[in-house]
Amino acid sequence: MRTKFCSHILERLEATVASFPPQLQYGNPAPNHGGEQGFAFYSQSMLRLEYLQNRFLLERLKVQRAASSSQGLFDVAWEMMNAVLAVWFRKDELIAFNEYFDWLVRASLLPSLLIPSNGPSS
């Protein structure tokens, strides 16, 4: 029952993200209005990471309940790393957000880096 609930929540999460307006969709180029492009990219990235963290939690619950393999969990972790690296590579454009980079790395990458230690023991 719980795994069906997790799957249902995952479907709702995907539908919610798909319903975002284009300016909030991750990867859509933002209009270039002075410094707004960096702000739009940062906002898209933060929404994407929030989505990925929620998806990571749900995938982790599914693995914990032995309802699925850990491949989905690894896929989400990979996407989280890519999203954080995209922000890091554009840090010069995002100078106004530099004070948040340490938090961003810790909050977004640490859970995904701990996957191997949380897996089933052999």
PDB file of N, CA and C in Angstrom:
ATOM      1  N   MET A   1       0.814  -1.194   0.000  1.00  0.00           N
ATOM      2  CA  MET A   1       0.000   0.000   0.000  1.00  0.00           C
ATOM      3  C   MET A   1       0.856   1.257   0.000  1.00  0.00           C
ATOM      4  N   ARG A   2       1.878   1.264   0.833  1.00  0.00           N
ATOM      5  CA  ARG A   2       2.725   2.451   0.916  1.00  0.00           C
ATOM      6  C   ARG A   2       3.464   2.714  -0.382  1.00  0.00           C
ATOM      7  N   THR A   3       3.865   1.641  -1.061  1.00  0.00           N
ATOM      8  CA  THR A   3       4.582   1.842  -2.318  1.00  0.00           C
ATOM      9  C   THR A   3       3.655   2.427  -3.381  1.00  0.00           C
ATOM     10  N   LYS A   4       2.390   2.016  -3.379  1.00  0.00           N
ATOM     11  CA  LYS A   4       1.425   2.610  -4.311  1.00  0.00           C
ATOM     12  C   LYS A   4       1.229   4.077  -3.986  1.00  0.00           C
ATOM     13  N   PHE A   5       1.212   4.389  -2.703  1.00  0.00           N
ATOM     14  CA  PHE A   5       1.066   5.779  -2.284  1.00  0.00           C
ATOM     15  C   PHE A   5       2.268   6.594  -2.760  1.00  0.00           C
ATOM     16  N   CYS A   6       3.473   6.054  -2.595  1.00  0.00           N
ATOM     17  CA  CYS A   6       4.687   6.744  -3.064  1.00  0.00           C
ATOM     18  C   CYS A   6       4.634   6.949  -4.573  1.00  0.00           C
ATOM     19  N   SER A   7       4.203   5.935  -5.295  1.00  0.00           N
ATOM     20  CA  SER A   7       4.090   6.056  -6.749  1.00  0.00           C
ATOM     21  C   SER A   7       3.060   7.112  -7.132  1.00  0.00           C
ATOM     22  N   HIS A   8       1.950   7.150  -6.409  1.00  0.00           N
ATOM     23  CA  HIS A   8       0.917   8.155  -6.673  1.00  0.00           C
ATOM     24  C   HIS A   8       1.451   9.563  -6.408  1.00  0.00           C
ATOM     25  N   ILE A   9       2.178   9.728  -5.315  1.00  0.00           N
ATOM     26  CA  ILE A   9       2.755  11.039  -4.997  1.00  0.00           C
ATOM     27  C   ILE A   9       3.789  11.431  -6.052  1.00  0.00           C
ATOM     28  N   LEU A  10       4.579  10.460  -6.511  1.00  0.00           N
ATOM     29  CA  LEU A  10       5.547  10.740  -7.580  1.00  0.00           C
ATOM     30  C   LEU A  10       4.846  11.219  -8.851  1.00  0.00           C
ATOM     31  N   GLU A  11       3.746  10.579  -9.196  1.00  0.00           N
ATOM     32  CA  GLU A  11       2.981  11.002 -10.377  1.00  0.00           C
ATOM     33  C   GLU A  11       2.448  12.423 -10.201  1.00  0.00           C
ATOM     34  N   ARG A  12       1.943  12.723  -9.028  1.00  0.00           N
ATOM     35  CA  ARG A  12       1.433  14.072  -8.760  1.00  0.00           C
ATOM     36  C   ARG A  12       2.565  15.098  -8.797  1.00  0.00           C
ATOM     37  N   LEU A  13       3.722  14.721  -8.288  1.00  0.00           N
ATOM     38  CA  LEU A  13       4.885  15.600  -8.315  1.00  0.00           C
ATOM     39  C   LEU A  13       5.281  15.916  -9.756  1.00  0.00           C
ATOM     40  N   GLU A  14       5.336  14.878 -10.593  1.00  0.00           N
ATOM     41  CA  GLU A  14       5.670  15.067 -12.014  1.00  0.00           C
ATOM     42  C   GLU A  14       4.645  15.970 -12.702  1.00  0.00           C
ATOM     43  N   ALA A  15       3.365  15.749 -12.413  1.00  0.00           N
ATOM     44  CA  ALA A  15       2.312  16.564 -13.022  1.00  0.00           C
ATOM     45  C   ALA A  15       2.400  18.015 -12.571  1.00  0.00           C
ATOM     46  N   THR A  16       2.721  18.223 -11.321  1.00  0.00           N
ATOM     47  CA  THR A  16       2.853  19.587 -10.805  1.00  0.00           C
ATOM     48  C   THR A  16       3.996  20.316 -11.494  1.00  0.00           C
ATOM     49  N   VAL A  17       5.136  19.660 -11.608  1.00  0.00           N
ATOM     50  CA  VAL A  17       6.295  20.285 -12.256  1.00  0.00           C
ATOM     51  C   VAL A  17       6.003  20.545 -13.733  1.00  0.00           C
ATOM     52  N   ALA A  18       5.309  19.626 -14.373  1.00  0.00           N
ATOM     53  CA  ALA A  18       4.961  19.807 -15.789  1.00  0.00           C
ATOM     54  C   ALA A  18       3.991  20.975 -15.988  1.00  0.00           C
ATOM     55  N   SER A  19       3.238  21.311 -14.951  1.00  0.00           N
ATOM     56  CA  SER A  19       2.270  22.406 -15.076  1.00  0.00           C
ATOM     57  C   SER A  19       2.872  23.778 -14.775  1.00  0.00           C
ATOM     58  N   PHE A  20       4.147  23.828 -14.420  1.00  0.00           N
ATOM     59  CA  PHE A  20       4.788  25.121 -14.166  1.00  0.00           C
ATOM     60  C   PHE A  20       4.740  25.973 -15.427  1.00  0.00           C
ATOM     61  N   PRO A  21       4.621  27.281 -15.280  1.00  0.00           N
ATOM     62  CA  PRO A  21       4.700  28.151 -16.459  1.00  0.00           C
ATOM     63  C   PRO A  21       6.101  28.067 -17.078  1.00  0.00           C
ATOM     64  N   PRO A  22       6.218  28.391 -18.358  1.00  0.00           N
ATOM     65  CA  PRO A  22       7.504  28.240 -19.056  1.00  0.00           C
ATOM     66  C   PRO A  22       8.677  28.945 -18.370  1.00  0.00           C
ATOM     67  N   GLN A  23       8.444  30.103 -17.776  1.00  0.00           N
ATOM     68  CA  GLN A  23       9.553  30.836 -17.159  1.00  0.00           C
ATOM     69  C   GLN A  23      10.087  30.139 -15.903  1.00  0.00           C
ATOM     70  N   LEU A  24       9.348  29.183 -15.374  1.00  0.00           N
ATOM     71  CA  LEU A  24       9.815  28.426 -14.210  1.00  0.00           C
ATOM     72  C   LEU A  24      10.329  27.042 -14.579  1.00  0.00           C
ATOM     73  N   GLN A  25      10.141  26.635 -15.822  1.00  0.00           N
ATOM     74  CA  GLN A  25      10.612  25.326 -16.274  1.00  0.00           C
ATOM     75  C   GLN A  25      12.141  25.331 -16.313  1.00  0.00           C
ATOM     76  N   TYR A  26      12.738  24.328 -15.722  1.00  0.00           N
ATOM     77  CA  TYR A  26      14.193  24.218 -15.693  1.00  0.00           C
ATOM     78  C   TYR A  26      14.731  24.039 -17.101  1.00  0.00           C
ATOM     79  N   GLY A  27      15.726  24.831 -17.442  1.00  0.00           N
ATOM     80  CA  GLY A  27      16.354  24.716 -18.748  1.00  0.00           C
ATOM     81  C   GLY A  27      15.816  25.682 -19.782  1.00  0.00           C
ATOM     82  N   ASN A  28      14.664  26.292 -19.527  1.00  0.00           N
ATOM     83  CA  ASN A  28      14.152  27.290 -20.468  1.00  0.00           C
ATOM     84  C   ASN A  28      14.968  28.570 -20.316  1.00  0.00           C
ATOM     85  N   PRO A  29      15.451  29.113 -21.414  1.00  0.00           N
ATOM     86  CA  PRO A  29      16.224  30.349 -21.297  1.00  0.00           C
ATOM     87  C   PRO A  29      15.343  31.488 -20.796  1.00  0.00           C
ATOM     88  N   ALA A  30      15.908  32.269 -19.929  1.00  0.00           N
ATOM     89  CA  ALA A  30      15.176  33.409 -19.372  1.00  0.00           C
ATOM     90  C   ALA A  30      15.389  34.624 -20.258  1.00  0.00           C
ATOM     91  N   PRO A  31      14.436  35.537 -20.277  1.00  0.00           N
ATOM     92  CA  PRO A  31      14.638  36.771 -21.033  1.00  0.00           C
ATOM     93  C   PRO A  31      15.816  37.540 -20.449  1.00  0.00           C
ATOM     94  N   ASN A  32      16.570  38.162 -21.292  1.00  0.00           N
ATOM     95  CA  ASN A  32      17.765  38.874 -20.855  1.00  0.00           C
ATOM     96  C   ASN A  32      17.424  40.337 -20.578  1.00  0.00           C
ATOM     97  N   HIS A  33      17.072  40.610 -19.342  1.00  0.00           N
ATOM     98  CA  HIS A  33      16.758  41.963 -18.897  1.00  0.00           C
ATOM     99  C   HIS A  33      17.747  42.336 -17.810  1.00  0.00           C
ATOM    100  N   GLY A  34      18.911  42.741 -18.198  1.00  0.00           N
ATOM    101  CA  GLY A  34      19.917  43.108 -17.213  1.00  0.00           C
ATOM    102  C   GLY A  34      20.342  41.899 -16.402  1.00  0.00           C
ATOM    103  N   GLY A  35      20.226  41.994 -15.074  1.00  0.00           N
ATOM    104  CA  GLY A  35      20.621  40.914 -14.180  1.00  0.00           C
ATOM    105  C   GLY A  35      19.536  39.885 -13.961  1.00  0.00           C
ATOM    106  N   GLU A  36      18.398  40.039 -14.629  1.00  0.00           N
ATOM    107  CA  GLU A  36      17.278  39.122 -14.405  1.00  0.00           C
ATOM    108  C   GLU A  36      17.551  37.718 -14.912  1.00  0.00           C
ATOM    109  N   GLN A  37      18.420  37.571 -15.897  1.00  0.00           N
ATOM    110  CA  GLN A  37      18.695  36.243 -16.425  1.00  0.00           C
ATOM    111  C   GLN A  37      19.311  35.350 -15.355  1.00  0.00           C
ATOM    112  N   GLY A  38      20.257  35.891 -14.592  1.00  0.00           N
ATOM    113  CA  GLY A  38      20.861  35.130 -13.506  1.00  0.00           C
ATOM    114  C   GLY A  38      19.852  34.784 -12.431  1.00  0.00           C
ATOM    115  N   PHE A  39      18.982  35.747 -12.108  1.00  0.00           N
ATOM    116  CA  PHE A  39      17.949  35.503 -11.109  1.00  0.00           C
ATOM    117  C   PHE A  39      16.982  34.426 -11.574  1.00  0.00           C
ATOM    118  N   ALA A  40      16.580  34.479 -12.842  1.00  0.00           N
ATOM    119  CA  ALA A  40      15.654  33.477 -13.379  1.00  0.00           C
ATOM    120  C   ALA A  40      16.296  32.090 -13.362  1.00  0.00           C
ATOM    121  N   PHE A  41      17.554  31.999 -13.766  1.00  0.00           N
ATOM    122  CA  PHE A  41      18.247  30.712 -13.754  1.00  0.00           C
ATOM    123  C   PHE A  41      18.351  30.171 -12.331  1.00  0.00           C
ATOM    124  N   TYR A  42      18.692  31.037 -11.390  1.00  0.00           N
ATOM    125  CA  TYR A  42      18.807  30.610  -9.999  1.00  0.00           C
ATOM    126  C   TYR A  42      17.451  30.134  -9.479  1.00  0.00           C
ATOM    127  N   SER A  43      16.392  30.849  -9.799  1.00  0.00           N
ATOM    128  CA  SER A  43      15.047  30.457  -9.365  1.00  0.00           C
ATOM    129  C   SER A  43      14.646  29.117  -9.971  1.00  0.00           C
ATOM    130  N   GLN A  44      14.913  28.940 -11.262  1.00  0.00           N
ATOM    131  CA  GLN A  44      14.615  27.666 -11.919  1.00  0.00           C
ATOM    132  C   GLN A  44      15.405  26.533 -11.263  1.00  0.00           C
ATOM    133  N   SER A  45      16.658  26.804 -10.956  1.00  0.00           N
ATOM    134  CA  SER A  45      17.522  25.779 -10.357  1.00  0.00           C
ATOM    135  C   SER A  45      17.044  25.402  -8.964  1.00  0.00           C
ATOM    136  N   MET A  46      16.624  26.393  -8.179  1.00  0.00           N
ATOM    137  CA  MET A  46      16.148  26.104  -6.829  1.00  0.00           C
ATOM    138  C   MET A  46      14.844  25.302  -6.869  1.00  0.00           C
ATOM    139  N   LEU A  47      13.965  25.644  -7.795  1.00  0.00           N
ATOM    140  CA  LEU A  47      12.740  24.857  -7.953  1.00  0.00           C
ATOM    141  C   LEU A  47      13.066  23.434  -8.385  1.00  0.00           C
ATOM    142  N   ARG A  48      14.014  23.311  -9.299  1.00  0.00           N
ATOM    143  CA  ARG A  48      14.420  21.985  -9.770  1.00  0.00           C
ATOM    144  C   ARG A  48      14.999  21.157  -8.625  1.00  0.00           C
ATOM    145  N   LEU A  49      15.847  21.775  -7.812  1.00  0.00           N
ATOM    146  CA  LEU A  49      16.443  21.044  -6.700  1.00  0.00           C
ATOM    147  C   LEU A  49      15.407  20.672  -5.645  1.00  0.00           C
ATOM    148  N   GLU A  50      14.438  21.539  -5.424  1.00  0.00           N
ATOM    149  CA  GLU A  50      13.354  21.213  -4.486  1.00  0.00           C
ATOM    150  C   GLU A  50      12.572  19.997  -4.991  1.00  0.00           C
ATOM    151  N   TYR A  51      12.277  20.010  -6.275  1.00  0.00           N
ATOM    152  CA  TYR A  51      11.588  18.885  -6.912  1.00  0.00           C
ATOM    153  C   TYR A  51      12.422  17.602  -6.778  1.00  0.00           C
ATOM    154  N   LEU A  52      13.716  17.708  -7.057  1.00  0.00           N
ATOM    155  CA  LEU A  52      14.580  16.534  -6.993  1.00  0.00           C
ATOM    156  C   LEU A  52      14.720  16.012  -5.567  1.00  0.00           C
ATOM    157  N   GLN A  53      14.769  16.900  -4.592  1.00  0.00           N
ATOM    158  CA  GLN A  53      14.843  16.451  -3.201  1.00  0.00           C
ATOM    159  C   GLN A  53      13.577  15.692  -2.805  1.00  0.00           C
ATOM    160  N   ASN A  54      12.431  16.177  -3.241  1.00  0.00           N
ATOM    161  CA  ASN A  54      11.181  15.469  -2.959  1.00  0.00           C
ATOM    162  C   ASN A  54      11.157  14.113  -3.658  1.00  0.00           C
ATOM    163  N   ARG A  55      11.610  14.100  -4.901  1.00  0.00           N
ATOM    164  CA  ARG A  55      11.659  12.845  -5.650  1.00  0.00           C
ATOM    165  C   ARG A  55      12.649  11.869  -5.019  1.00  0.00           C
ATOM    166  N   PHE A  56      13.773  12.402  -4.542  1.00  0.00           N
ATOM    167  CA  PHE A  56      14.781  11.585  -3.873  1.00  0.00           C
ATOM    168  C   PHE A  56      14.196  10.910  -2.638  1.00  0.00           C
ATOM    169  N   LEU A  57      13.453  11.673  -1.846  1.00  0.00           N
ATOM    170  CA  LEU A  57      12.835  11.113  -0.650  1.00  0.00           C
ATOM    171  C   LEU A  57      11.853  10.001  -1.009  1.00  0.00           C
ATOM    172  N   LEU A  58      11.037  10.232  -2.003  1.00  0.00           N
ATOM    173  CA  LEU A  58      10.061   9.210  -2.404  1.00  0.00           C
ATOM    174  C   LEU A  58      10.739   7.966  -2.975  1.00  0.00           C
ATOM    175  N   GLU A  59      11.778   8.167  -3.774  1.00  0.00           N
ATOM    176  CA  GLU A  59      12.527   7.008  -4.305  1.00  0.00           C
ATOM    177  C   GLU A  59      13.208   6.248  -3.173  1.00  0.00           C
ATOM    178  N   ARG A  60      13.704   6.974  -2.191  1.00  0.00           N
ATOM    179  CA  ARG A  60      14.357   6.332  -1.048  1.00  0.00           C
ATOM    180  C   ARG A  60      13.346   5.489  -0.262  1.00  0.00           C
ATOM    181  N   LEU A  61      12.142   6.013  -0.104  1.00  0.00           N
ATOM    182  CA  LEU A  61      11.099   5.245   0.583  1.00  0.00           C
ATOM    183  C   LEU A  61      10.741   3.979  -0.187  1.00  0.00           C
ATOM    184  N   LYS A  62      10.678   4.091  -1.510  1.00  0.00           N
ATOM    185  CA  LYS A  62      10.370   2.913  -2.319  1.00  0.00           C
ATOM    186  C   LYS A  62      11.464   1.858  -2.190  1.00  0.00           C
ATOM    187  N   VAL A  63      12.708   2.273  -2.184  1.00  0.00           N
ATOM    188  CA  VAL A  63      13.818   1.324  -2.039  1.00  0.00           C
ATOM    189  C   VAL A  63      13.795   0.706  -0.643  1.00  0.00           C
ATOM    190  N   GLN A  64      13.543   1.536   0.358  1.00  0.00           N
ATOM    191  CA  GLN A  64      13.510   1.040   1.728  1.00  0.00           C
ATOM    192  C   GLN A  64      12.425  -0.013   1.918  1.00  0.00           C
ATOM    193  N   ARG A  65      11.315   0.141   1.225  1.00  0.00           N
ATOM    194  CA  ARG A  65      10.209  -0.816   1.318  1.00  0.00           C
ATOM    195  C   ARG A  65      10.415  -1.990   0.369  1.00  0.00           C
ATOM    196  N   ALA A  66      11.587  -2.033  -0.273  1.00  0.00           N
ATOM    197  CA  ALA A  66      11.940  -3.100  -1.217  1.00  0.00           C
ATOM    198  C   ALA A  66      10.941  -3.196  -2.363  1.00  0.00           C
ATOM    199  N   ALA A  67      10.378  -2.057  -2.737  1.00  0.00           N
ATOM    200  CA  ALA A  67       9.400  -2.045  -3.821  1.00  0.00           C
ATOM    201  C   ALA A  67      10.036  -1.735  -5.164  1.00  0.00           C
ATOM    202  N   SER A  68      11.270  -1.296  -5.148  1.00  0.00           N
ATOM    203  CA  SER A  68      11.943  -1.011  -6.416  1.00  0.00           C
ATOM    204  C   SER A  68      13.444  -1.120  -6.220  1.00  0.00           C
ATOM    205  N   SER A  69      14.147  -1.159  -7.333  1.00  0.00           N
ATOM    206  CA  SER A  69      15.608  -1.192  -7.261  1.00  0.00           C
ATOM    207  C   SER A  69      16.096   0.215  -6.929  1.00  0.00           C
ATOM    208  N   SER A  70      17.353   0.316  -6.659  1.00  0.00           N
ATOM    209  CA  SER A  70      17.908   1.626  -6.305  1.00  0.00           C
ATOM    210  C   SER A  70      18.269   2.451  -7.542  1.00  0.00           C
ATOM    211  N   GLN A  71      17.976   1.977  -8.733  1.00  0.00           N
ATOM    212  CA  GLN A  71      18.327   2.709  -9.945  1.00  0.00           C
ATOM    213  C   GLN A  71      17.652   4.084  -9.994  1.00  0.00           C
ATOM    214  N   GLY A  72      16.381   4.162  -9.612  1.00  0.00           N
ATOM    215  CA  GLY A  72      15.687   5.445  -9.594  1.00  0.00           C
ATOM    216  C   GLY A  72      16.339   6.417  -8.636  1.00  0.00           C
ATOM    217  N   LEU A  73      16.801   5.904  -7.516  1.00  0.00           N
ATOM    218  CA  LEU A  73      17.487   6.726  -6.524  1.00  0.00           C
ATOM    219  C   LEU A  73      18.799   7.270  -7.089  1.00  0.00           C
ATOM    220  N   PHE A  74      19.549   6.416  -7.767  1.00  0.00           N
ATOM    221  CA  PHE A  74      20.800   6.857  -8.383  1.00  0.00           C
ATOM    222  C   PHE A  74      20.542   7.877  -9.493  1.00  0.00           C
ATOM    223  N   ASP A  75      19.472   7.676 -10.249  1.00  0.00           N
ATOM    224  CA  ASP A  75      19.137   8.624 -11.320  1.00  0.00           C
ATOM    225  C   ASP A  75      18.825  10.006 -10.752  1.00  0.00           C
ATOM    226  N   VAL A  76      18.075  10.051  -9.658  1.00  0.00           N
ATOM    227  CA  VAL A  76      17.751  11.330  -9.030  1.00  0.00           C
ATOM    228  C   VAL A  76      19.018  11.968  -8.470  1.00  0.00           C
ATOM    229  N   ALA A  77      19.872  11.178  -7.840  1.00  0.00           N
ATOM    230  CA  ALA A  77      21.125  11.711  -7.291  1.00  0.00           C
ATOM    231  C   ALA A  77      21.981  12.316  -8.406  1.00  0.00           C
ATOM    232  N   TRP A  78      22.026  11.644  -9.542  1.00  0.00           N
ATOM    233  CA  TRP A  78      22.780  12.141 -10.684  1.00  0.00           C
ATOM    234  C   TRP A  78      22.215  13.482 -11.174  1.00  0.00           C
ATOM    235  N   GLU A  79      20.889  13.572 -11.251  1.00  0.00           N
ATOM    236  CA  GLU A  79      20.255  14.826 -11.664  1.00  0.00           C
ATOM    237  C   GLU A  79      20.534  15.939 -10.667  1.00  0.00           C
ATOM    238  N   MET A  80      20.557  15.601  -9.373  1.00  0.00           N
ATOM    239  CA  MET A  80      20.861  16.602  -8.351  1.00  0.00           C
ATOM    240  C   MET A  80      22.281  17.128  -8.518  1.00  0.00           C
ATOM    241  N   MET A  81      23.206  16.231  -8.759  1.00  0.00           N
ATOM    242  CA  MET A  81      24.591  16.656  -8.959  1.00  0.00           C
ATOM    243  C   MET A  81      24.705  17.544 -10.192  1.00  0.00           C
ATOM    244  N   ASN A  82      24.038  17.177 -11.266  1.00  0.00           N
ATOM    245  CA  ASN A  82      24.085  17.990 -12.481  1.00  0.00           C
ATOM    246  C   ASN A  82      23.500  19.379 -12.257  1.00  0.00           C
ATOM    247  N   ALA A  83      22.400  19.459 -11.516  1.00  0.00           N
ATOM    248  CA  ALA A  83      21.772  20.755 -11.258  1.00  0.00           C
ATOM    249  C   ALA A  83      22.674  21.639 -10.398  1.00  0.00           C
ATOM    250  N   VAL A  84      23.295  21.054  -9.388  1.00  0.00           N
ATOM    251  CA  VAL A  84      24.200  21.836  -8.535  1.00  0.00           C
ATOM    252  C   VAL A  84      25.425  22.283  -9.330  1.00  0.00           C
ATOM    253  N   LEU A  85      25.956  21.397 -10.149  1.00  0.00           N
ATOM    254  CA  LEU A  85      27.121  21.773 -10.961  1.00  0.00           C
ATOM    255  C   LEU A  85      26.769  22.859 -11.972  1.00  0.00           C
ATOM    256  N   ALA A  86      25.557  22.831 -12.511  1.00  0.00           N
ATOM    257  CA  ALA A  86      25.139  23.885 -13.446  1.00  0.00           C
ATOM    258  C   ALA A  86      25.142  25.243 -12.749  1.00  0.00           C
ATOM    259  N   VAL A  87      24.671  25.268 -11.512  1.00  0.00           N
ATOM    260  CA  VAL A  87      24.698  26.522 -10.755  1.00  0.00           C
ATOM    261  C   VAL A  87      26.141  26.910 -10.463  1.00  0.00           C
ATOM    262  N   TRP A  88      26.946  25.948 -10.070  1.00  0.00           N
ATOM    263  CA  TRP A  88      28.341  26.231  -9.724  1.00  0.00           C
ATOM    264  C   TRP A  88      29.107  26.787 -10.936  1.00  0.00           C
ATOM    265  N   PHE A  89      28.890  26.205 -12.103  1.00  0.00           N
ATOM    266  CA  PHE A  89      29.604  26.661 -13.289  1.00  0.00           C
ATOM    267  C   PHE A  89      29.196  28.066 -13.712  1.00  0.00           C
ATOM    268  N   ARG A  90      28.008  28.481 -13.307  1.00  0.00           N
ATOM    269  CA  ARG A  90      27.536  29.831 -13.649  1.00  0.00           C
ATOM    270  C   ARG A  90      27.610  30.779 -12.461  1.00  0.00           C
ATOM    271  N   LYS A  91      28.457  30.454 -11.499  1.00  0.00           N
ATOM    272  CA  LYS A  91      28.518  31.248 -10.267  1.00  0.00           C
ATOM    273  C   LYS A  91      28.934  32.694 -10.512  1.00  0.00           C
ATOM    274  N   ASP A  92      29.673  32.964 -11.582  1.00  0.00           N
ATOM    275  CA  ASP A  92      30.053  34.349 -11.874  1.00  0.00           C
ATOM    276  C   ASP A  92      28.835  35.195 -12.234  1.00  0.00           C
ATOM    277  N   GLU A  93      27.851  34.595 -12.899  1.00  0.00           N
ATOM    278  CA  GLU A  93      26.607  35.303 -13.219  1.00  0.00           C
ATOM    279  C   GLU A  93      25.725  35.458 -11.990  1.00  0.00           C
ATOM    280  N   LEU A  94      25.940  34.595 -11.014  1.00  0.00           N
ATOM    281  CA  LEU A  94      25.063  34.540  -9.847  1.00  0.00           C
ATOM    282  C   LEU A  94      25.744  35.096  -8.605  1.00  0.00           C
ATOM    283  N   ILE A  95      26.555  36.113  -8.794  1.00  0.00           N
ATOM    284  CA  ILE A  95      27.348  36.683  -7.698  1.00  0.00           C
ATOM    285  C   ILE A  95      26.468  37.112  -6.523  1.00  0.00           C
ATOM    286  N   ALA A  96      25.245  37.538  -6.800  1.00  0.00           N
ATOM    287  CA  ALA A  96      24.340  37.971  -5.730  1.00  0.00           C
ATOM    288  C   ALA A  96      23.927  36.805  -4.827  1.00  0.00           C
ATOM    289  N   PHE A  97      24.109  35.578  -5.292  1.00  0.00           N
ATOM    290  CA  PHE A  97      23.686  34.405  -4.529  1.00  0.00           C
ATOM    291  C   PHE A  97      24.865  33.627  -3.961  1.00  0.00           C
ATOM    292  N   ASN A  98      26.076  34.167  -4.035  1.00  0.00           N
ATOM    293  CA  ASN A  98      27.272  33.444  -3.592  1.00  0.00           C
ATOM    294  C   ASN A  98      27.190  32.967  -2.149  1.00  0.00           C
ATOM    295  N   GLU A  99      26.513  33.734  -1.302  1.00  0.00           N
ATOM    296  CA  GLU A  99      26.444  33.343   0.103  1.00  0.00           C
ATOM    297  C   GLU A  99      25.649  32.058   0.310  1.00  0.00           C
ATOM    298  N   TYR A 100      24.887  31.636  -0.692  1.00  0.00           N
ATOM    299  CA  TYR A 100      24.062  30.428  -0.577  1.00  0.00           C
ATOM    300  C   TYR A 100      24.727  29.186  -1.172  1.00  0.00           C
ATOM    301  N   PHE A 101      25.885  29.334  -1.807  1.00  0.00           N
ATOM    302  CA  PHE A 101      26.490  28.198  -2.494  1.00  0.00           C
ATOM    303  C   PHE A 101      26.893  27.072  -1.546  1.00  0.00           C
ATOM    304  N   ASP A 102      27.453  27.415  -0.381  1.00  0.00           N
ATOM    305  CA  ASP A 102      27.825  26.358   0.568  1.00  0.00           C
ATOM    306  C   ASP A 102      26.600  25.580   1.006  1.00  0.00           C
ATOM    307  N   TRP A 103      25.521  26.297   1.316  1.00  0.00           N
ATOM    308  CA  TRP A 103      24.278  25.645   1.720  1.00  0.00           C
ATOM    309  C   TRP A 103      23.752  24.778   0.580  1.00  0.00           C
ATOM    310  N   LEU A 104      23.796  25.321  -0.628  1.00  0.00           N
ATOM    311  CA  LEU A 104      23.291  24.603  -1.798  1.00  0.00           C
ATOM    312  C   LEU A 104      24.006  23.266  -1.970  1.00  0.00           C
ATOM    313  N   VAL A 105      25.314  23.285  -1.850  1.00  0.00           N
ATOM    314  CA  VAL A 105      26.095  22.057  -2.012  1.00  0.00           C
ATOM    315  C   VAL A 105      25.786  21.076  -0.892  1.00  0.00           C
ATOM    316  N   ARG A 106      25.746  21.561   0.333  1.00  0.00           N
ATOM    317  CA  ARG A 106      25.492  20.660   1.461  1.00  0.00           C
ATOM    318  C   ARG A 106      24.086  20.080   1.425  1.00  0.00           C
ATOM    319  N   ALA A 107      23.110  20.936   1.201  1.00  0.00           N
ATOM    320  CA  ALA A 107      21.717  20.486   1.261  1.00  0.00           C
ATOM    321  C   ALA A 107      21.336  19.608   0.074  1.00  0.00           C
ATOM    322  N   SER A 108      21.940  19.855  -1.073  1.00  0.00           N
ATOM    323  CA  SER A 108      21.534  19.130  -2.275  1.00  0.00           C
ATOM    324  C   SER A 108      22.402  17.929  -2.590  1.00  0.00           C
ATOM    325  N   LEU A 109      23.681  18.027  -2.311  1.00  0.00           N
ATOM    326  CA  LEU A 109      24.565  16.927  -2.695  1.00  0.00           C
ATOM    327  C   LEU A 109      24.808  15.907  -1.597  1.00  0.00           C
ATOM    328  N   LEU A 110      24.787  16.336  -0.354  1.00  0.00           N
ATOM    329  CA  LEU A 110      25.101  15.403   0.719  1.00  0.00           C
ATOM    330  C   LEU A 110      24.183  14.184   0.741  1.00  0.00           C
ATOM    331  N   PRO A 111      22.863  14.345   0.642  1.00  0.00           N
ATOM    332  CA  PRO A 111      22.017  13.137   0.634  1.00  0.00           C
ATOM    333  C   PRO A 111      22.347  12.193  -0.518  1.00  0.00           C
ATOM    334  N   SER A 112      22.617  12.748  -1.685  1.00  0.00           N
ATOM    335  CA  SER A 112      22.880  11.883  -2.828  1.00  0.00           C
ATOM    336  C   SER A 112      24.254  11.231  -2.748  1.00  0.00           C
ATOM    337  N   LEU A 113      25.194  11.844  -2.062  1.00  0.00           N
ATOM    338  CA  LEU A 113      26.506  11.237  -1.916  1.00  0.00           C
ATOM    339  C   LEU A 113      26.513  10.097  -0.903  1.00  0.00           C
ATOM    340  N   LEU A 114      25.501  10.045  -0.053  1.00  0.00           N
ATOM    341  CA  LEU A 114      25.440   9.018   0.977  1.00  0.00           C
ATOM    342  C   LEU A 114      24.681   7.772   0.549  1.00  0.00           C
ATOM    343  N   ILE A 115      24.253   7.706  -0.695  1.00  0.00           N
ATOM    344  CA  ILE A 115      23.467   6.554  -1.161  1.00  0.00           C
ATOM    345  C   ILE A 115      24.201   5.232  -0.929  1.00  0.00           C
ATOM    346  N   PRO A 116      25.463   5.088  -1.339  1.00  0.00           N
ATOM    347  CA  PRO A 116      26.117   3.780  -1.175  1.00  0.00           C
ATOM    348  C   PRO A 116      26.165   3.319   0.277  1.00  0.00           C
ATOM    349  N   SER A 117      26.318   4.239   1.223  1.00  0.00           N
ATOM    350  CA  SER A 117      26.387   3.816   2.618  1.00  0.00           C
ATOM    351  C   SER A 117      25.022   3.455   3.176  1.00  0.00           C
ATOM    352  N   ASN A 118      23.951   3.883   2.515  1.00  0.00           N
ATOM    353  CA  ASN A 118      22.607   3.569   2.992  1.00  0.00           C
ATOM    354  C   ASN A 118      21.994   2.367   2.308  1.00  0.00           C
ATOM    355  N   GLY A 119      22.687   1.811   1.339  1.00  0.00           N
ATOM    356  CA  GLY A 119      22.135   0.682   0.593  1.00  0.00           C
ATOM    357  C   GLY A 119      22.093  -0.579   1.420  1.00  0.00           C
ATOM    358  N   PRO A 120      21.459  -1.612   0.895  1.00  0.00           N
ATOM    359  CA  PRO A 120      21.388  -2.881   1.637  1.00  0.00           C
ATOM    360  C   PRO A 120      22.765  -3.490   1.788  1.00  0.00           C
ATOM    361  N   SER A 121      23.006  -4.036   2.921  1.00  0.00           N
ATOM    362  CA  SER A 121      24.310  -4.666   3.141  1.00  0.00           C
ATOM    363  C   SER A 121      24.318  -6.064   2.559  1.00  0.00           C
ATOM    364  N   SER A 122      25.499  -6.446   2.054  1.00  0.00           N
ATOM    365  CA  SER A 122      25.581  -7.757   1.407  1.00  0.00           C
ATOM    366  C   SER A 122      26.138  -8.797   2.331  1.00  0.00           C
TER     367      SER A 122
END
